[in-house]
N, C-alpha and C. Protein backbone atom coordinates (compact mmCIF):
# COMPACT_ATOMS: atom_id res chain seq x y z
N MET A 1 0.81 -1.18 0.00
CA MET A 1 0.00 0.00 0.00
C MET A 1 0.86 1.26 0.00
N TYR A 2 1.88 1.26 0.85
CA TYR A 2 2.76 2.42 0.86
C TYR A 2 3.57 2.50 -0.42
N THR A 3 3.94 1.39 -0.98
CA THR A 3 4.73 1.37 -2.20
C THR A 3 3.95 1.98 -3.36
N SER A 4 2.68 1.63 -3.52
CA SER A 4 1.91 2.19 -4.62
C SER A 4 1.72 3.68 -4.45
N ARG A 5 1.56 4.15 -3.24
CA ARG A 5 1.41 5.59 -3.02
C ARG A 5 2.70 6.31 -3.37
N ILE A 6 3.83 5.75 -3.05
CA ILE A 6 5.12 6.37 -3.39
C ILE A 6 5.28 6.41 -4.90
N ASN A 7 4.89 5.32 -5.60
CA ASN A 7 4.98 5.31 -7.06
C ASN A 7 4.11 6.40 -7.68
N VAL A 8 2.90 6.61 -7.16
CA VAL A 8 2.02 7.66 -7.68
C VAL A 8 2.66 9.01 -7.47
N ILE A 9 3.21 9.26 -6.32
CA ILE A 9 3.86 10.55 -6.03
C ILE A 9 5.06 10.74 -6.94
N LEU A 10 5.86 9.70 -7.13
CA LEU A 10 7.03 9.81 -8.00
C LEU A 10 6.61 10.05 -9.45
N CYS A 11 5.57 9.35 -9.90
CA CYS A 11 5.09 9.55 -11.27
C CYS A 11 4.57 10.96 -11.45
N SER A 12 3.81 11.46 -10.47
CA SER A 12 3.29 12.82 -10.55
C SER A 12 4.43 13.81 -10.57
N HIS A 13 5.44 13.60 -9.74
CA HIS A 13 6.58 14.50 -9.68
C HIS A 13 7.36 14.45 -11.01
N SER A 14 7.50 13.26 -11.57
CA SER A 14 8.19 13.10 -12.84
C SER A 14 7.44 13.80 -13.97
N ALA A 15 6.13 13.71 -13.98
CA ALA A 15 5.32 14.38 -15.00
C ALA A 15 5.46 15.88 -14.89
N MET A 16 5.49 16.40 -13.66
CA MET A 16 5.65 17.84 -13.46
C MET A 16 7.01 18.29 -13.97
N ASN A 17 8.04 17.52 -13.75
CA ASN A 17 9.37 17.87 -14.23
C ASN A 17 9.42 17.88 -15.75
N THR A 18 8.73 16.93 -16.38
CA THR A 18 8.68 16.88 -17.84
C THR A 18 7.99 18.12 -18.38
N LYS A 19 6.89 18.51 -17.77
CA LYS A 19 6.17 19.70 -18.21
C LYS A 19 7.05 20.94 -18.05
N THR A 20 7.69 21.06 -16.91
CA THR A 20 8.57 22.19 -16.66
C THR A 20 9.73 22.19 -17.64
N SER A 21 10.25 21.02 -17.93
CA SER A 21 11.36 20.90 -18.85
C SER A 21 10.94 21.30 -20.26
N SER A 22 9.75 20.89 -20.71
CA SER A 22 9.30 21.25 -22.05
C SER A 22 8.97 22.74 -22.12
N GLU A 23 8.40 23.31 -21.05
CA GLU A 23 8.17 24.76 -21.03
C GLU A 23 9.49 25.50 -21.10
N TYR A 24 10.48 25.00 -20.39
CA TYR A 24 11.80 25.61 -20.39
C TYR A 24 12.40 25.53 -21.79
N ASN A 25 12.25 24.38 -22.46
CA ASN A 25 12.80 24.22 -23.80
C ASN A 25 12.12 25.16 -24.80
N SER A 26 10.81 25.33 -24.73
CA SER A 26 10.13 26.23 -25.68
C SER A 26 10.51 27.68 -25.41
N LYS A 27 10.67 28.05 -24.14
CA LYS A 27 11.11 29.42 -23.83
C LYS A 27 12.53 29.64 -24.33
N THR A 28 13.37 28.64 -24.18
CA THR A 28 14.74 28.74 -24.67
C THR A 28 14.76 28.90 -26.18
N LEU A 29 13.93 28.14 -26.88
CA LEU A 29 13.86 28.26 -28.33
C LEU A 29 13.39 29.64 -28.77
N ILE A 30 12.43 30.19 -28.07
CA ILE A 30 11.93 31.53 -28.40
C ILE A 30 13.03 32.56 -28.21
N VAL A 31 13.73 32.49 -27.08
CA VAL A 31 14.83 33.43 -26.81
C VAL A 31 15.91 33.27 -27.87
N PHE A 32 16.23 32.04 -28.20
CA PHE A 32 17.24 31.78 -29.23
C PHE A 32 16.81 32.36 -30.58
N ALA A 33 15.54 32.17 -30.94
CA ALA A 33 15.03 32.70 -32.21
C ALA A 33 15.10 34.22 -32.25
N VAL A 34 14.77 34.87 -31.15
CA VAL A 34 14.82 36.34 -31.08
C VAL A 34 16.26 36.82 -31.22
N ILE A 35 17.19 36.16 -30.53
CA ILE A 35 18.60 36.55 -30.62
C ILE A 35 19.11 36.33 -32.04
N ALA A 36 18.77 35.21 -32.65
CA ALA A 36 19.19 34.93 -34.03
C ALA A 36 18.63 35.96 -34.99
N ALA A 37 17.37 36.34 -34.81
CA ALA A 37 16.75 37.35 -35.67
C ALA A 37 17.47 38.69 -35.53
N CYS A 38 17.83 39.06 -34.31
CA CYS A 38 18.56 40.32 -34.08
C CYS A 38 19.93 40.28 -34.76
N ILE A 39 20.62 39.18 -34.64
CA ILE A 39 21.94 39.05 -35.25
C ILE A 39 21.83 39.11 -36.77
N LEU A 40 20.86 38.41 -37.35
CA LEU A 40 20.68 38.44 -38.80
C LEU A 40 20.29 39.83 -39.29
N THR A 41 19.43 40.51 -38.54
CA THR A 41 19.05 41.87 -38.92
C THR A 41 20.25 42.80 -38.89
N ALA A 42 21.05 42.70 -37.84
CA ALA A 42 22.26 43.53 -37.74
C ALA A 42 23.22 43.23 -38.89
N ALA A 43 23.39 41.97 -39.21
CA ALA A 43 24.28 41.59 -40.31
C ALA A 43 23.75 42.13 -41.64
N LEU A 44 22.45 42.06 -41.85
CA LEU A 44 21.85 42.57 -43.08
C LEU A 44 22.03 44.08 -43.19
N VAL A 45 21.74 44.80 -42.12
CA VAL A 45 21.90 46.25 -42.13
C VAL A 45 23.35 46.63 -42.36
N PHE A 46 24.27 45.98 -41.67
CA PHE A 46 25.69 46.27 -41.83
C PHE A 46 26.13 45.97 -43.26
N GLY A 47 25.64 44.84 -43.80
CA GLY A 47 25.99 44.47 -45.17
C GLY A 47 25.48 45.47 -46.18
N LEU A 48 24.24 45.93 -46.01
CA LEU A 48 23.68 46.92 -46.93
C LEU A 48 24.42 48.24 -46.84
N MET A 49 24.83 48.61 -45.62
CA MET A 49 25.60 49.85 -45.47
C MET A 49 26.94 49.72 -46.18
N ASN A 50 27.57 48.57 -46.06
CA ASN A 50 28.84 48.36 -46.74
C ASN A 50 28.68 48.36 -48.24
N ILE A 51 27.64 47.69 -48.74
CA ILE A 51 27.40 47.66 -50.18
C ILE A 51 27.13 49.07 -50.68
N SER A 52 26.32 49.83 -49.94
CA SER A 52 26.00 51.19 -50.34
C SER A 52 27.25 52.05 -50.37
N SER A 53 28.08 52.00 -49.31
CA SER A 53 29.26 52.84 -49.29
C SER A 53 30.28 52.35 -50.32
N TYR A 54 30.34 51.04 -50.57
CA TYR A 54 31.25 50.50 -51.56
C TYR A 54 30.86 50.95 -52.96
N SER A 55 29.56 50.89 -53.27
CA SER A 55 29.12 51.28 -54.61
C SER A 55 29.27 52.78 -54.82
N ASN A 56 29.16 53.57 -53.77
CA ASN A 56 29.30 55.02 -53.92
C ASN A 56 30.73 55.42 -54.25
N ARG A 57 31.70 54.57 -54.02
CA ARG A 57 33.09 54.88 -54.33
C ARG A 57 33.32 54.98 -55.83
N TYR A 58 32.42 54.41 -56.63
CA TYR A 58 32.63 54.35 -58.06
C TYR A 58 31.88 55.42 -58.82
N HIS A 59 31.36 56.43 -58.14
CA HIS A 59 30.76 57.58 -58.81
C HIS A 59 31.90 58.54 -59.14
N LEU A 60 32.66 58.22 -60.17
CA LEU A 60 33.84 59.00 -60.50
C LEU A 60 33.51 60.27 -61.26
N GLN A 61 32.45 60.26 -62.02
CA GLN A 61 32.08 61.42 -62.82
C GLN A 61 30.97 62.20 -62.13
N THR A 62 31.10 63.50 -62.11
CA THR A 62 30.10 64.36 -61.49
C THR A 62 29.65 65.40 -62.49
N ALA A 63 28.35 65.56 -62.60
CA ALA A 63 27.80 66.63 -63.43
C ALA A 63 27.49 67.79 -62.50
N SER A 64 28.24 68.86 -62.59
CA SER A 64 28.05 70.00 -61.70
C SER A 64 27.17 71.05 -62.35
N ALA A 65 26.44 71.75 -61.52
CA ALA A 65 25.62 72.84 -62.01
C ALA A 65 26.52 74.00 -62.42
N ILE A 66 26.18 74.62 -63.55
CA ILE A 66 26.91 75.80 -64.01
C ILE A 66 25.92 76.94 -64.19
N LYS A 67 26.42 78.15 -64.14
CA LYS A 67 25.52 79.29 -64.33
C LYS A 67 25.01 79.30 -65.76
N ASP A 68 23.73 79.54 -65.91
CA ASP A 68 23.08 79.58 -67.21
C ASP A 68 23.52 80.85 -67.94
N LYS A 69 24.27 80.68 -69.01
CA LYS A 69 24.81 81.83 -69.75
C LYS A 69 23.81 82.37 -70.76
N ASN A 70 22.70 81.66 -70.97
CA ASN A 70 21.71 82.10 -71.95
C ASN A 70 20.77 83.16 -71.42
N ALA A 71 20.60 83.24 -70.12
CA ALA A 71 19.67 84.21 -69.55
C ALA A 71 20.44 85.41 -69.01
N ALA A 72 19.94 86.58 -69.30
CA ALA A 72 20.60 87.80 -68.85
C ALA A 72 20.47 87.92 -67.33
N ASN A 73 21.57 88.27 -66.67
CA ASN A 73 21.62 88.43 -65.21
C ASN A 73 21.02 87.22 -64.47
N SER A 74 21.25 86.05 -65.01
CA SER A 74 20.70 84.84 -64.41
C SER A 74 21.64 84.30 -63.35
N SER A 75 21.06 83.83 -62.27
CA SER A 75 21.86 83.16 -61.26
C SER A 75 21.42 81.71 -61.12
N THR A 76 20.88 81.18 -62.20
CA THR A 76 20.42 79.80 -62.20
C THR A 76 21.57 78.88 -62.59
N ASN A 77 21.77 77.85 -61.79
CA ASN A 77 22.77 76.83 -62.09
C ASN A 77 22.08 75.73 -62.88
N THR A 78 22.70 75.32 -64.00
CA THR A 78 22.04 74.41 -64.93
C THR A 78 22.86 73.16 -65.18
N ILE A 79 22.17 72.02 -65.21
CA ILE A 79 22.76 70.73 -65.58
C ILE A 79 22.00 70.23 -66.80
N GLN A 80 22.73 69.68 -67.76
CA GLN A 80 22.13 69.14 -68.98
C GLN A 80 22.16 67.61 -68.91
N LEU A 81 21.00 66.99 -68.95
CA LEU A 81 20.89 65.53 -69.00
C LEU A 81 20.14 65.13 -70.26
N SER A 82 20.37 63.90 -70.66
CA SER A 82 19.65 63.34 -71.79
C SER A 82 19.27 61.91 -71.44
N ALA A 83 18.16 61.45 -71.96
CA ALA A 83 17.77 60.05 -71.80
C ALA A 83 18.38 59.28 -72.96
N LYS A 84 18.85 58.05 -72.69
CA LYS A 84 19.44 57.25 -73.75
C LYS A 84 19.04 55.79 -73.58
N GLU A 85 18.67 55.17 -74.70
CA GLU A 85 18.36 53.74 -74.68
C GLU A 85 19.67 52.99 -74.91
N GLN A 86 20.16 52.30 -73.87
CA GLN A 86 21.44 51.59 -73.93
C GLN A 86 21.32 50.30 -74.73
N LYS A 87 20.22 49.60 -74.55
CA LYS A 87 19.86 48.42 -75.33
C LYS A 87 18.34 48.35 -75.30
N PRO A 88 17.71 47.53 -76.11
CA PRO A 88 16.25 47.57 -76.18
C PRO A 88 15.56 47.49 -74.80
N GLY A 89 14.83 48.56 -74.47
CA GLY A 89 14.09 48.62 -73.22
C GLY A 89 14.88 49.03 -72.00
N VAL A 90 16.18 49.27 -72.14
CA VAL A 90 17.03 49.66 -71.00
C VAL A 90 17.52 51.09 -71.24
N TYR A 91 17.12 51.98 -70.32
CA TYR A 91 17.43 53.41 -70.47
C TYR A 91 18.31 53.89 -69.33
N ASN A 92 19.11 54.94 -69.60
CA ASN A 92 19.93 55.62 -68.60
C ASN A 92 19.78 57.12 -68.77
N TRP A 93 20.02 57.86 -67.68
CA TRP A 93 20.23 59.29 -67.79
C TRP A 93 21.68 59.46 -68.23
N ILE A 94 21.95 60.41 -69.09
CA ILE A 94 23.30 60.64 -69.58
C ILE A 94 23.67 62.10 -69.35
N ASP A 95 24.88 62.34 -68.82
CA ASP A 95 25.42 63.69 -68.70
C ASP A 95 25.68 64.16 -70.13
N ALA A 96 24.93 65.18 -70.56
CA ALA A 96 25.01 65.63 -71.96
C ALA A 96 26.40 66.12 -72.34
N GLY A 97 27.17 66.61 -71.39
CA GLY A 97 28.50 67.12 -71.71
C GLY A 97 29.58 66.05 -71.76
N LYS A 98 29.49 65.05 -70.88
CA LYS A 98 30.55 64.06 -70.77
C LYS A 98 30.14 62.67 -71.24
N GLY A 99 28.85 62.46 -71.46
CA GLY A 99 28.38 61.15 -71.91
C GLY A 99 28.36 60.09 -70.83
N VAL A 100 28.47 60.48 -69.58
CA VAL A 100 28.51 59.54 -68.46
C VAL A 100 27.09 59.09 -68.10
N PRO A 101 26.86 57.77 -68.02
CA PRO A 101 25.52 57.29 -67.65
C PRO A 101 25.23 57.48 -66.15
N ASN A 102 24.00 57.86 -65.85
CA ASN A 102 23.53 58.06 -64.48
C ASN A 102 24.56 58.79 -63.61
N PRO A 103 24.95 60.00 -64.02
CA PRO A 103 26.01 60.70 -63.31
C PRO A 103 25.59 61.16 -61.91
N LYS A 104 26.58 61.39 -61.07
CA LYS A 104 26.35 62.02 -59.77
C LYS A 104 26.19 63.51 -60.05
N LEU A 105 25.04 64.06 -59.68
CA LEU A 105 24.77 65.48 -59.94
C LEU A 105 25.17 66.29 -58.73
N LYS A 106 25.65 67.49 -58.97
CA LYS A 106 26.07 68.37 -57.88
C LYS A 106 25.42 69.73 -58.09
N VAL A 107 24.60 70.16 -57.12
CA VAL A 107 23.90 71.43 -57.21
C VAL A 107 24.15 72.24 -55.94
N LEU A 108 23.71 73.50 -55.97
CA LEU A 108 23.97 74.41 -54.86
C LEU A 108 22.73 74.60 -53.98
N ALA A 109 22.98 74.62 -52.67
CA ALA A 109 21.90 74.90 -51.72
C ALA A 109 21.58 76.40 -51.75
N ASN A 110 20.36 76.74 -51.45
CA ASN A 110 19.91 78.14 -51.38
C ASN A 110 20.18 78.89 -52.68
N ALA A 111 20.11 78.20 -53.79
CA ALA A 111 20.30 78.80 -55.11
C ALA A 111 19.31 78.15 -56.07
N SER A 112 19.00 78.85 -57.14
CA SER A 112 18.12 78.28 -58.16
C SER A 112 18.92 77.30 -59.01
N ASN A 113 18.42 76.10 -59.14
CA ASN A 113 19.06 75.05 -59.93
C ASN A 113 18.06 74.55 -60.96
N MET A 114 18.58 74.20 -62.14
CA MET A 114 17.73 73.68 -63.19
C MET A 114 18.41 72.48 -63.83
N ILE A 115 17.65 71.43 -64.02
CA ILE A 115 18.14 70.28 -64.78
C ILE A 115 17.34 70.27 -66.08
N ARG A 116 18.03 70.48 -67.20
CA ARG A 116 17.39 70.44 -68.51
C ARG A 116 17.56 69.04 -69.07
N ILE A 117 16.48 68.51 -69.61
CA ILE A 117 16.48 67.11 -70.03
C ILE A 117 16.03 66.99 -71.48
N GLN A 118 16.85 66.33 -72.29
CA GLN A 118 16.49 65.99 -73.66
C GLN A 118 16.03 64.53 -73.67
N ASN A 119 14.96 64.27 -74.41
CA ASN A 119 14.46 62.90 -74.52
C ASN A 119 14.37 62.51 -75.99
N PRO A 120 15.47 62.01 -76.57
CA PRO A 120 15.43 61.57 -77.97
C PRO A 120 14.92 60.13 -78.13
N THR A 121 14.44 59.52 -77.05
CA THR A 121 13.99 58.12 -77.11
C THR A 121 12.54 58.02 -77.55
N ASP A 122 12.06 56.80 -77.68
CA ASP A 122 10.69 56.58 -78.14
C ASP A 122 9.70 56.33 -77.00
N THR A 123 10.08 56.67 -75.79
CA THR A 123 9.20 56.51 -74.63
C THR A 123 9.31 57.71 -73.71
N LYS A 124 8.32 57.92 -72.87
CA LYS A 124 8.36 59.07 -71.98
C LYS A 124 9.18 58.76 -70.73
N HIS A 125 9.70 59.83 -70.13
CA HIS A 125 10.50 59.75 -68.91
C HIS A 125 10.03 60.84 -67.96
N GLU A 126 10.36 60.70 -66.68
CA GLU A 126 10.07 61.73 -65.68
C GLU A 126 11.17 61.67 -64.63
N LEU A 127 11.91 62.75 -64.48
CA LEU A 127 12.98 62.83 -63.49
C LEU A 127 12.38 63.24 -62.15
N ILE A 128 12.67 62.47 -61.11
CA ILE A 128 12.19 62.75 -59.76
C ILE A 128 13.38 62.74 -58.82
N ILE A 129 13.44 63.74 -57.94
CA ILE A 129 14.48 63.79 -56.90
C ILE A 129 13.85 63.30 -55.60
N ASP A 130 14.47 62.28 -55.01
CA ASP A 130 13.96 61.69 -53.78
C ASP A 130 14.48 62.47 -52.58
N THR A 131 13.66 63.38 -52.07
CA THR A 131 14.08 64.23 -50.95
C THR A 131 13.51 63.77 -49.62
N GLY A 132 12.54 62.87 -49.66
CA GLY A 132 11.88 62.45 -48.43
C GLY A 132 10.70 63.34 -48.08
N ALA A 133 10.47 64.38 -48.84
CA ALA A 133 9.34 65.29 -48.59
C ALA A 133 8.05 64.67 -49.13
N ASP A 134 6.94 65.24 -48.73
CA ASP A 134 5.65 64.75 -49.22
C ASP A 134 5.48 65.00 -50.72
N VAL A 135 5.96 66.13 -51.20
CA VAL A 135 5.90 66.46 -52.62
C VAL A 135 7.34 66.47 -53.14
N LEU A 136 7.63 65.60 -54.09
CA LEU A 136 8.99 65.46 -54.60
C LEU A 136 9.19 66.34 -55.83
N PRO A 137 10.37 66.97 -55.94
CA PRO A 137 10.66 67.73 -57.15
C PRO A 137 10.62 66.80 -58.37
N SER A 138 9.93 67.24 -59.42
CA SER A 138 9.72 66.39 -60.58
C SER A 138 9.71 67.22 -61.85
N SER A 139 10.18 66.61 -62.94
CA SER A 139 10.15 67.27 -64.24
C SER A 139 8.80 67.11 -64.92
N ASP A 140 7.92 66.30 -64.35
CA ASP A 140 6.68 65.87 -65.01
C ASP A 140 7.08 65.04 -66.23
N ASP A 141 6.09 64.54 -66.95
CA ASP A 141 6.38 63.68 -68.09
C ASP A 141 7.11 64.44 -69.19
N ILE A 142 8.16 63.80 -69.72
CA ILE A 142 8.86 64.33 -70.89
C ILE A 142 8.59 63.34 -72.01
N ASN A 143 7.79 63.75 -72.95
CA ASN A 143 7.35 62.87 -74.03
C ASN A 143 8.50 62.51 -74.96
N PRO A 144 8.33 61.45 -75.75
CA PRO A 144 9.36 61.06 -76.72
C PRO A 144 9.72 62.21 -77.65
N ASN A 145 11.00 62.29 -77.99
CA ASN A 145 11.53 63.31 -78.90
C ASN A 145 11.13 64.71 -78.46
N SER A 146 11.24 64.95 -77.17
CA SER A 146 10.88 66.23 -76.59
C SER A 146 11.91 66.60 -75.52
N SER A 147 11.67 67.70 -74.84
CA SER A 147 12.57 68.10 -73.76
C SER A 147 11.74 68.62 -72.59
N GLY A 148 12.37 68.70 -71.46
CA GLY A 148 11.72 69.20 -70.26
C GLY A 148 12.76 69.72 -69.30
N GLN A 149 12.31 70.13 -68.15
CA GLN A 149 13.25 70.63 -67.15
C GLN A 149 12.68 70.47 -65.76
N LEU A 150 13.58 70.53 -64.81
CA LEU A 150 13.23 70.47 -63.40
C LEU A 150 13.95 71.62 -62.72
N SER A 151 13.21 72.59 -62.21
CA SER A 151 13.79 73.72 -61.49
C SER A 151 13.50 73.55 -60.02
N PHE A 152 14.50 73.82 -59.19
CA PHE A 152 14.31 73.67 -57.75
C PHE A 152 15.35 74.50 -57.00
N LYS A 153 15.05 74.81 -55.75
CA LYS A 153 15.95 75.60 -54.91
C LYS A 153 16.03 74.89 -53.55
N PRO A 154 17.00 73.98 -53.40
CA PRO A 154 17.12 73.24 -52.13
C PRO A 154 17.56 74.18 -51.01
N THR A 155 17.04 73.94 -49.83
CA THR A 155 17.37 74.80 -48.68
C THR A 155 18.36 74.15 -47.72
N MET A 156 18.73 72.91 -48.00
CA MET A 156 19.69 72.24 -47.12
C MET A 156 20.65 71.40 -47.94
N THR A 157 21.83 71.17 -47.38
CA THR A 157 22.82 70.35 -48.05
C THR A 157 22.56 68.87 -47.73
N GLY A 158 23.14 68.01 -48.52
CA GLY A 158 22.99 66.57 -48.31
C GLY A 158 23.07 65.83 -49.62
N THR A 159 23.01 64.51 -49.54
CA THR A 159 23.04 63.67 -50.72
C THR A 159 21.69 62.97 -50.84
N PHE A 160 21.11 63.05 -52.01
CA PHE A 160 19.80 62.48 -52.29
C PHE A 160 19.91 61.58 -53.52
N THR A 161 18.86 60.91 -53.86
CA THR A 161 18.86 60.11 -55.09
C THR A 161 17.87 60.71 -56.08
N TYR A 162 18.07 60.38 -57.34
CA TYR A 162 17.12 60.75 -58.38
C TYR A 162 16.84 59.52 -59.23
N HIS A 163 15.68 59.50 -59.87
CA HIS A 163 15.32 58.35 -60.71
C HIS A 163 14.25 58.77 -61.72
N CYS A 164 14.02 57.88 -62.67
CA CYS A 164 12.93 58.06 -63.63
C CYS A 164 11.71 57.33 -63.07
N ALA A 165 10.57 57.98 -63.14
CA ALA A 165 9.34 57.36 -62.63
C ALA A 165 9.00 56.09 -63.40
N TYR A 166 9.40 55.99 -64.67
CA TYR A 166 9.04 54.86 -65.51
C TYR A 166 10.14 53.80 -65.61
N HIS A 167 11.36 54.15 -65.30
CA HIS A 167 12.50 53.23 -65.39
C HIS A 167 13.38 53.38 -64.13
N PRO A 168 12.81 53.15 -62.94
CA PRO A 168 13.53 53.46 -61.69
C PRO A 168 14.76 52.60 -61.42
N PHE A 169 14.87 51.45 -62.07
CA PHE A 169 15.99 50.57 -61.77
C PHE A 169 17.20 50.82 -62.66
N THR A 170 16.99 51.44 -63.81
CA THR A 170 18.13 51.69 -64.71
C THR A 170 18.43 53.18 -64.89
N MET A 171 17.47 54.03 -64.58
CA MET A 171 17.68 55.48 -64.70
C MET A 171 17.66 56.07 -63.29
N ARG A 172 18.81 56.03 -62.64
CA ARG A 172 18.89 56.50 -61.25
C ARG A 172 20.32 56.91 -60.93
N GLY A 173 20.43 57.76 -59.94
CA GLY A 173 21.75 58.21 -59.53
C GLY A 173 21.62 59.02 -58.25
N THR A 174 22.71 59.71 -57.90
CA THR A 174 22.71 60.53 -56.69
C THR A 174 22.85 61.99 -57.07
N ILE A 175 22.32 62.83 -56.20
CA ILE A 175 22.44 64.28 -56.37
C ILE A 175 22.95 64.84 -55.05
N GLN A 176 24.05 65.57 -55.13
CA GLN A 176 24.67 66.15 -53.95
C GLN A 176 24.36 67.64 -53.92
N VAL A 177 23.77 68.08 -52.83
CA VAL A 177 23.48 69.49 -52.64
C VAL A 177 24.56 70.04 -51.72
N VAL A 178 25.34 71.00 -52.23
CA VAL A 178 26.46 71.56 -51.47
C VAL A 178 26.21 73.04 -51.18
N SER A 179 26.95 73.58 -50.25
CA SER A 179 26.85 75.01 -49.93
C SER A 179 27.22 75.83 -51.15
N GLY A 180 26.68 77.04 -51.21
CA GLY A 180 26.94 77.94 -52.34
C GLY A 180 28.43 78.22 -52.55
N PRO A 181 28.75 78.87 -53.65
CA PRO A 181 30.15 79.08 -54.04
C PRO A 181 30.97 79.84 -53.09
């Protein structure tokens, strides 16, 4: 009689330990999963930062804004870009003066800047500067075999990106806003 009671108590105690052990194992797995997710996220962010800074090292050509000599007493800095079809369906922005694809643009803060765009291609393009604002500076649609422009006056320095609304993966680059002359 005493032996069976001891067996019941031992079995109950053993079952409780198993439950506690399995709860402990699931909590350990959750903690491990959270730590692994944090490590992977950190590695991904660090990797993207490295890729971004590595790729920025190869922006060797810069299209700088120059004063518009066509307008009397003008203080507008102007960049000339053109759209170009590199191969069927693949387009780039081209620095009209140097022929560099998707050039790094350099403009002045607190000054009037204009990007003039020629579109000799058979499709429309739209230059957009990614500033993070609610309303982005845009050239609006530039129809085939036409031209357009984007005028803007940035109030702060920094590096931003630009892209085509219709070809964002192949027509893109950076624009650096620097202090005035």
